Amino acid sequence: MEAKSLKKISDAELTEAALNYGRSLARTIEVRDKSLTNRIFLDSLGKAFDVQIISMHPTDSFLRGVERKIIEAYTSGSDLSGVGDDLQKMGTDSLIYTKPLFIERPDGSLEFSQALGIRIPKRQVILSIK
């Protein structure tokens, strides 16, 4: 019954809740599969939370337009120390939470390797708001 009730949520509340939702899932993923290679785990986690978890590589030809732009932003910067997670709209009913994953070089500099992408339906974010 609560899931069918109407809620008025501001864009700021939606953004904050989506960031929290994405960060929570990202922490779980980093503990179990930081390299994003265990598809069985990622798919079952995605199914449990009604999201799609993807590994976003610069050479991936299957990325959607907004995802490609996010990867370009992560790879185009020379100072990666301040680069963090991000949330973007995907169409009218979805959001994408991304978190860059880096490899530390021997000289201490960071090299972008891939990004964790979590495609989240807005409905899931709204339902997560108490």
Protein backbone atom coordinates (compact mmCIF):
# COMPACT_ATOMS: atom_id res chain seq x y z
CA MET A 1 0.00 0.00 0.00
CA GLU A 2 2.87 2.36 0.84
CA ALA A 3 4.45 1.68 -2.57
CA LYS A 4 1.25 2.89 -4.27
CA SER A 5 0.92 6.09 -2.25
CA LEU A 6 1.83 9.38 -3.89
CA LYS A 7 5.00 11.13 -2.79
CA LYS A 8 6.12 14.61 -3.74
CA ILE A 9 9.89 14.63 -3.94
CA SER A 10 12.09 17.53 -4.96
CA ASP A 11 14.96 17.13 -7.43
CA ALA A 12 17.42 17.74 -4.59
CA GLU A 13 15.88 14.96 -2.48
CA LEU A 14 15.89 12.61 -5.46
CA THR A 15 19.55 13.39 -6.21
CA GLU A 16 20.62 12.93 -2.58
CA ALA A 17 18.70 9.66 -2.25
CA ALA A 18 20.08 8.34 -5.56
CA LEU A 19 23.66 9.18 -4.54
CA ASN A 20 23.14 7.39 -1.21
CA TYR A 21 21.58 4.40 -3.00
CA GLY A 22 24.46 4.21 -5.49
CA ARG A 23 27.15 4.68 -2.84
CA SER A 24 25.64 1.96 -0.67
CA LEU A 25 25.66 -0.51 -3.55
CA ALA A 26 29.18 0.57 -4.58
CA ARG A 27 30.49 -0.15 -1.06
CA THR A 28 28.97 -3.63 -1.18
CA ILE A 29 30.48 -4.27 -4.60
CA GLU A 30 33.93 -3.01 -3.58
CA VAL A 31 34.02 -5.39 -0.63
CA ARG A 32 33.10 -8.46 -2.71
CA ASP A 33 34.30 -7.73 -6.26
CA LYS A 34 36.45 -4.61 -6.71
CA SER A 35 37.58 -5.73 -10.19
CA LEU A 36 33.94 -6.09 -11.38
CA THR A 37 34.58 -9.53 -12.86
CA ASN A 38 32.15 -11.72 -10.89
CA ARG A 39 29.09 -11.45 -13.16
CA ILE A 40 27.07 -13.93 -11.07
CA PHE A 41 27.47 -11.76 -7.95
CA LEU A 42 26.87 -8.49 -9.83
CA ASP A 43 23.80 -9.83 -11.62
CA SER A 44 22.27 -11.25 -8.43
CA LEU A 45 22.93 -8.00 -6.55
CA GLY A 46 21.42 -6.04 -9.42
CA LYS A 47 18.35 -8.25 -9.45
CA ALA A 48 17.92 -7.95 -5.67
CA PHE A 49 18.02 -4.14 -5.83
CA ASP A 50 16.31 -3.76 -9.24
CA VAL A 51 19.35 -2.08 -10.83
CA GLN A 52 21.76 -2.94 -13.60
CA ILE A 53 25.44 -3.03 -12.62
CA ILE A 54 27.97 -2.58 -15.40
CA SER A 55 31.69 -2.22 -15.85
CA MET A 56 32.40 0.81 -18.05
CA HIS A 57 35.65 0.67 -20.04
CA PRO A 58 36.91 3.40 -22.41
CA THR A 59 36.95 0.90 -25.31
CA ASP A 60 33.42 -0.47 -24.67
CA SER A 61 31.32 0.03 -27.80
CA PHE A 62 28.08 -0.92 -26.01
CA LEU A 63 27.98 2.15 -23.76
CA ARG A 64 25.02 4.48 -24.09
CA GLY A 65 25.55 8.14 -25.00
CA VAL A 66 25.60 9.54 -21.46
CA GLU A 67 27.84 6.70 -20.30
CA ARG A 68 30.32 7.39 -23.09
CA LYS A 69 30.44 11.07 -22.06
CA ILE A 70 31.09 10.11 -18.44
CA ILE A 71 33.99 7.85 -19.48
CA GLU A 72 35.39 10.65 -21.66
CA ALA A 73 35.26 13.00 -18.66
CA TYR A 74 37.07 10.46 -16.47
CA THR A 75 39.78 9.82 -19.08
CA SER A 76 40.33 13.38 -20.28
CA GLY A 77 41.55 14.86 -16.98
CA SER A 78 45.22 14.92 -16.12
CA ASP A 79 44.75 15.35 -12.34
CA LEU A 80 42.66 12.38 -11.25
CA SER A 81 43.18 12.81 -7.50
CA GLY A 82 40.01 14.87 -7.07
CA VAL A 83 37.76 12.83 -9.37
CA GLY A 84 34.90 11.14 -7.56
CA ASP A 85 31.56 9.48 -8.07
CA ASP A 86 28.86 10.99 -10.24
CA LEU A 87 25.13 10.84 -10.87
CA GLN A 88 23.49 11.66 -14.19
CA LYS A 89 20.02 11.39 -15.68
CA MET A 90 19.48 8.66 -18.27
CA GLY A 91 16.33 9.41 -20.18
CA THR A 92 13.21 10.34 -18.26
CA ASP A 93 12.92 7.46 -15.82
CA SER A 94 16.46 6.34 -14.96
CA LEU A 95 19.66 7.58 -13.38
CA ILE A 96 23.21 6.34 -13.64
CA TYR A 97 25.56 6.36 -10.69
CA THR A 98 29.21 6.01 -11.64
CA LYS A 99 32.37 5.61 -9.65
CA PRO A 100 35.81 5.63 -11.30
CA LEU A 101 38.26 2.87 -10.46
CA PHE A 102 41.96 3.64 -10.69
CA ILE A 103 45.24 1.77 -10.81
CA GLU A 104 48.09 3.32 -8.85
CA ARG A 105 51.32 3.52 -10.87
CA PRO A 106 54.73 2.91 -9.30
CA ASP A 107 55.40 6.66 -9.28
CA GLY A 108 52.26 7.22 -7.17
CA SER A 109 50.15 8.70 -9.96
CA LEU A 110 46.71 7.34 -10.77
CA GLU A 111 45.58 5.79 -14.04
CA PHE A 112 41.89 5.37 -14.86
CA SER A 113 41.09 1.72 -15.51
CA GLN A 114 37.28 1.50 -15.57
CA ALA A 115 34.17 2.85 -13.93
CA LEU A 116 31.51 1.09 -11.94
CA GLY A 117 28.14 1.98 -13.43
CA ILE A 118 24.81 1.42 -11.71
CA ARG A 119 21.70 2.10 -13.78
CA ILE A 120 18.95 2.93 -11.30
CA PRO A 121 15.25 3.36 -12.09
CA LYS A 122 13.93 6.54 -10.43
CA ARG A 123 11.11 4.44 -9.02
CA GLN A 124 13.62 2.45 -6.93
CA VAL A 125 15.15 5.64 -5.54
CA ILE A 126 11.75 7.06 -4.65
CA LEU A 127 10.74 3.82 -2.92
CA SER A 128 13.98 3.92 -0.90
CA ILE A 129 13.12 7.33 0.55
CA LYS A 130 11.56 7.00 3.99
